[in-house]
């Protein structure tokens, strides 16, 4: 991918223009050699979680975030502000 990532970004989401998670950051190649960043595609992550019998629990904060983004997209800015 072309986005720069930094130390501590590993495990963070890679998102597309619609704010959908499409991968997880895993690292970068040696910056002295090439500026290449690496991510695992989300379908591979989902397969791994399923095989490991791990069920992600996004929790209440993620629900508020998603609801806030939807409110913002619908033009309900006051509602979005409360949730975000």
N, C-alpha and C. Protein backbone atom coordinates (compact mmCIF):
# COMPACT_ATOMS: atom_id res chain seq x y z
N UNK A 1 0.85 -1.17 0.00
CA UNK A 1 0.00 0.00 0.00
C UNK A 1 0.89 1.23 0.00
N UNK A 2 0.35 2.36 -0.34
CA UNK A 2 1.16 3.57 -0.48
C UNK A 2 1.16 4.45 0.77
N UNK A 3 0.30 4.19 1.73
CA UNK A 3 0.25 5.02 2.93
C UNK A 3 1.43 4.72 3.84
N UNK A 4 1.98 5.77 4.44
CA UNK A 4 3.05 5.56 5.40
C UNK A 4 2.47 5.09 6.72
N UNK A 5 3.18 4.17 7.35
CA UNK A 5 2.81 3.79 8.71
C UNK A 5 4.06 3.95 9.56
N UNK A 6 3.87 4.06 10.85
CA UNK A 6 4.96 4.31 11.76
C UNK A 6 4.95 3.28 12.88
N UNK A 7 6.03 3.27 13.64
CA UNK A 7 6.13 2.37 14.78
C UNK A 7 4.89 2.54 15.65
N UNK A 8 4.26 1.45 16.01
CA UNK A 8 3.06 1.48 16.83
C UNK A 8 1.77 1.40 16.03
N UNK A 9 1.86 1.52 14.70
CA UNK A 9 0.66 1.45 13.87
C UNK A 9 0.25 0.00 13.56
N UNK A 10 1.11 -0.95 13.83
CA UNK A 10 0.80 -2.35 13.54
C UNK A 10 -0.49 -2.77 14.24
N UNK A 11 -1.34 -3.46 13.50
CA UNK A 11 -2.62 -3.90 14.04
C UNK A 11 -3.73 -2.90 13.81
N UNK A 12 -3.37 -1.70 13.37
CA UNK A 12 -4.38 -0.68 13.10
C UNK A 12 -5.07 -0.94 11.78
N UNK A 13 -6.25 -0.37 11.59
CA UNK A 13 -7.02 -0.65 10.37
C UNK A 13 -6.49 0.09 9.15
N UNK A 14 -6.65 -0.54 8.01
CA UNK A 14 -6.47 0.11 6.71
C UNK A 14 -7.89 0.31 6.20
N UNK A 15 -8.26 1.54 5.91
CA UNK A 15 -9.64 1.82 5.49
C UNK A 15 -9.67 2.37 4.07
N UNK A 16 -10.80 2.17 3.41
CA UNK A 16 -10.98 2.71 2.07
C UNK A 16 -11.74 4.04 2.17
N UNK A 17 -12.10 4.59 1.02
CA UNK A 17 -12.77 5.89 0.99
C UNK A 17 -14.16 5.87 1.61
N UNK A 18 -14.76 4.70 1.80
CA UNK A 18 -16.07 4.61 2.43
C UNK A 18 -15.94 4.30 3.92
N UNK A 19 -14.72 4.33 4.45
CA UNK A 19 -14.41 4.04 5.85
C UNK A 19 -14.64 2.58 6.21
N UNK A 20 -14.59 1.70 5.22
CA UNK A 20 -14.66 0.27 5.48
C UNK A 20 -13.25 -0.25 5.74
N UNK A 21 -13.11 -1.13 6.71
CA UNK A 21 -11.81 -1.72 7.00
C UNK A 21 -11.51 -2.75 5.91
N UNK A 22 -10.38 -2.56 5.24
CA UNK A 22 -10.01 -3.48 4.15
C UNK A 22 -8.73 -4.25 4.47
N UNK A 23 -8.13 -3.97 5.62
CA UNK A 23 -6.92 -4.68 6.00
C UNK A 23 -6.42 -4.23 7.35
N UNK A 24 -5.33 -4.87 7.81
CA UNK A 24 -4.67 -4.49 9.06
C UNK A 24 -3.21 -4.22 8.77
N UNK A 25 -2.70 -3.09 9.30
CA UNK A 25 -1.28 -2.76 9.18
C UNK A 25 -0.46 -3.82 9.89
N UNK A 26 0.64 -4.24 9.25
CA UNK A 26 1.52 -5.20 9.90
C UNK A 26 2.96 -4.72 9.98
N UNK A 27 3.35 -3.74 9.19
CA UNK A 27 4.72 -3.27 9.28
C UNK A 27 5.18 -2.58 8.03
N UNK A 28 6.48 -2.26 8.02
CA UNK A 28 7.08 -1.58 6.88
C UNK A 28 8.44 -2.18 6.62
N UNK A 29 8.83 -2.16 5.36
CA UNK A 29 10.17 -2.61 5.00
C UNK A 29 11.17 -1.59 5.51
N UNK A 30 12.42 -1.96 5.60
CA UNK A 30 13.48 -1.06 6.05
C UNK A 30 13.45 0.22 5.22
N UNK A 31 13.22 1.38 5.85
CA UNK A 31 13.10 2.63 5.10
C UNK A 31 14.35 2.99 4.31
N UNK A 32 15.51 2.40 4.66
CA UNK A 32 16.74 2.66 3.91
C UNK A 32 16.71 1.96 2.56
N UNK A 33 15.93 0.88 2.49
CA UNK A 33 15.86 0.09 1.26
C UNK A 33 14.71 0.57 0.38
N UNK A 34 13.52 0.62 0.93
CA UNK A 34 12.34 1.02 0.16
C UNK A 34 11.25 1.47 1.11
N UNK A 35 10.43 2.37 0.65
CA UNK A 35 9.30 2.80 1.48
C UNK A 35 8.09 1.95 1.13
N UNK A 36 8.10 0.73 1.63
CA UNK A 36 7.03 -0.22 1.38
C UNK A 36 6.35 -0.52 2.70
N UNK A 37 5.05 -0.35 2.73
CA UNK A 37 4.30 -0.71 3.93
C UNK A 37 3.46 -1.93 3.62
N UNK A 38 3.21 -2.71 4.65
CA UNK A 38 2.55 -4.00 4.46
C UNK A 38 1.27 -4.07 5.28
N UNK A 39 0.29 -4.73 4.71
CA UNK A 39 -0.98 -4.94 5.39
C UNK A 39 -1.52 -6.32 5.02
N UNK A 40 -2.29 -6.88 5.93
CA UNK A 40 -2.96 -8.16 5.68
C UNK A 40 -4.39 -7.82 5.22
N UNK A 41 -4.81 -8.35 4.06
CA UNK A 41 -6.18 -8.09 3.59
C UNK A 41 -7.21 -8.59 4.60
N UNK A 42 -8.31 -7.88 4.70
CA UNK A 42 -9.32 -8.18 5.73
C UNK A 42 -9.91 -9.58 5.55
N UNK A 43 -10.02 -10.08 4.32
CA UNK A 43 -10.56 -11.43 4.14
C UNK A 43 -9.62 -12.48 4.75
N UNK A 44 -8.31 -12.24 4.73
CA UNK A 44 -7.36 -13.15 5.35
C UNK A 44 -7.48 -13.06 6.87
N UNK A 45 -7.63 -11.84 7.39
CA UNK A 45 -7.82 -11.65 8.83
C UNK A 45 -9.06 -12.38 9.30
N UNK A 46 -10.17 -12.22 8.57
CA UNK A 46 -11.43 -12.88 8.96
C UNK A 46 -11.28 -14.40 8.96
N UNK A 47 -10.58 -14.93 7.96
CA UNK A 47 -10.38 -16.38 7.89
C UNK A 47 -9.54 -16.87 9.08
N UNK A 48 -8.50 -16.13 9.41
CA UNK A 48 -7.67 -16.48 10.55
C UNK A 48 -8.49 -16.48 11.84
N UNK A 49 -9.28 -15.43 12.05
CA UNK A 49 -10.09 -15.35 13.26
C UNK A 49 -11.08 -16.51 13.35
N UNK A 50 -11.68 -16.85 12.21
CA UNK A 50 -12.64 -17.96 12.19
C UNK A 50 -11.95 -19.27 12.55
N UNK A 51 -10.79 -19.52 11.95
CA UNK A 51 -10.07 -20.77 12.24
C UNK A 51 -9.60 -20.82 13.69
N UNK A 52 -9.28 -19.65 14.26
CA UNK A 52 -8.84 -19.60 15.66
C UNK A 52 -10.03 -19.54 16.62
N UNK A 53 -11.24 -19.56 16.06
CA UNK A 53 -12.48 -19.51 16.84
C UNK A 53 -12.55 -18.26 17.72
N UNK A 54 -12.12 -17.14 17.13
CA UNK A 54 -12.17 -15.85 17.82
C UNK A 54 -13.31 -15.04 17.21
N UNK A 55 -14.22 -14.59 18.05
CA UNK A 55 -15.35 -13.78 17.61
C UNK A 55 -15.09 -12.34 18.04
N UNK A 56 -14.82 -11.44 17.08
CA UNK A 56 -14.55 -10.05 17.46
C UNK A 56 -15.77 -9.42 18.16
N UNK A 57 -15.49 -8.65 19.18
CA UNK A 57 -16.53 -7.93 19.91
C UNK A 57 -16.19 -6.45 19.81
N UNK A 58 -16.86 -5.73 18.90
CA UNK A 58 -16.51 -4.33 18.70
C UNK A 58 -16.79 -3.44 19.90
N UNK A 59 -17.69 -3.84 20.77
CA UNK A 59 -17.97 -3.08 21.97
C UNK A 59 -18.79 -1.82 21.73
N UNK A 60 -19.18 -1.17 22.82
CA UNK A 60 -20.09 -0.02 22.72
C UNK A 60 -19.46 1.21 22.05
N UNK A 61 -18.16 1.42 22.21
CA UNK A 61 -17.54 2.60 21.59
C UNK A 61 -17.53 2.50 20.08
N UNK A 62 -17.29 1.30 19.55
CA UNK A 62 -17.32 1.12 18.10
C UNK A 62 -18.72 1.36 17.57
N UNK A 63 -19.74 0.90 18.28
CA UNK A 63 -21.12 1.12 17.84
C UNK A 63 -21.42 2.62 17.81
N UNK A 64 -21.00 3.36 18.82
CA UNK A 64 -21.21 4.80 18.81
C UNK A 64 -20.50 5.46 17.64
N UNK A 65 -19.28 5.03 17.36
CA UNK A 65 -18.50 5.59 16.25
C UNK A 65 -19.21 5.34 14.92
N UNK A 66 -19.64 4.11 14.69
CA UNK A 66 -20.32 3.77 13.44
C UNK A 66 -21.63 4.54 13.33
N UNK A 67 -22.40 4.60 14.41
CA UNK A 67 -23.65 5.36 14.40
C UNK A 67 -23.39 6.84 14.15
N UNK A 68 -22.32 7.37 14.75
CA UNK A 68 -21.97 8.77 14.54
C UNK A 68 -21.60 9.06 13.10
N UNK A 69 -20.86 8.16 12.48
CA UNK A 69 -20.49 8.34 11.07
C UNK A 69 -21.73 8.31 10.17
N UNK A 70 -22.66 7.42 10.49
CA UNK A 70 -23.90 7.34 9.70
C UNK A 70 -24.71 8.62 9.87
N UNK A 71 -24.80 9.13 11.10
CA UNK A 71 -25.52 10.38 11.34
C UNK A 71 -24.89 11.53 10.58
N UNK A 72 -23.57 11.58 10.59
CA UNK A 72 -22.86 12.64 9.87
C UNK A 72 -23.14 12.55 8.37
N UNK A 73 -23.08 11.33 7.83
CA UNK A 73 -23.34 11.13 6.41
C UNK A 73 -24.77 11.53 6.03
N UNK A 74 -25.70 11.37 6.97
CA UNK A 74 -27.10 11.74 6.74
C UNK A 74 -27.37 13.22 7.01
N UNK A 75 -26.34 13.97 7.39
CA UNK A 75 -26.51 15.39 7.64
C UNK A 75 -27.05 15.72 9.02
N UNK A 76 -27.11 14.74 9.90
CA UNK A 76 -27.59 14.97 11.26
C UNK A 76 -26.37 15.26 12.16
N UNK A 77 -25.85 16.48 12.01
CA UNK A 77 -24.57 16.83 12.62
C UNK A 77 -24.61 16.90 14.15
N UNK A 78 -25.71 17.37 14.73
CA UNK A 78 -25.81 17.42 16.18
C UNK A 78 -25.78 16.00 16.77
N UNK A 79 -26.53 15.11 16.14
CA UNK A 79 -26.54 13.71 16.58
C UNK A 79 -25.16 13.09 16.43
N UNK A 80 -24.51 13.37 15.30
CA UNK A 80 -23.18 12.84 15.04
C UNK A 80 -22.19 13.35 16.08
N UNK A 81 -22.29 14.64 16.40
CA UNK A 81 -21.37 15.24 17.37
C UNK A 81 -21.50 14.58 18.74
N UNK A 82 -22.70 14.26 19.15
CA UNK A 82 -22.91 13.61 20.44
C UNK A 82 -22.28 12.22 20.47
N UNK A 83 -22.39 11.51 19.36
CA UNK A 83 -21.89 10.13 19.32
C UNK A 83 -20.38 10.08 19.11
N UNK A 84 -19.86 10.99 18.31
CA UNK A 84 -18.43 10.96 18.03
C UNK A 84 -17.66 11.63 19.14
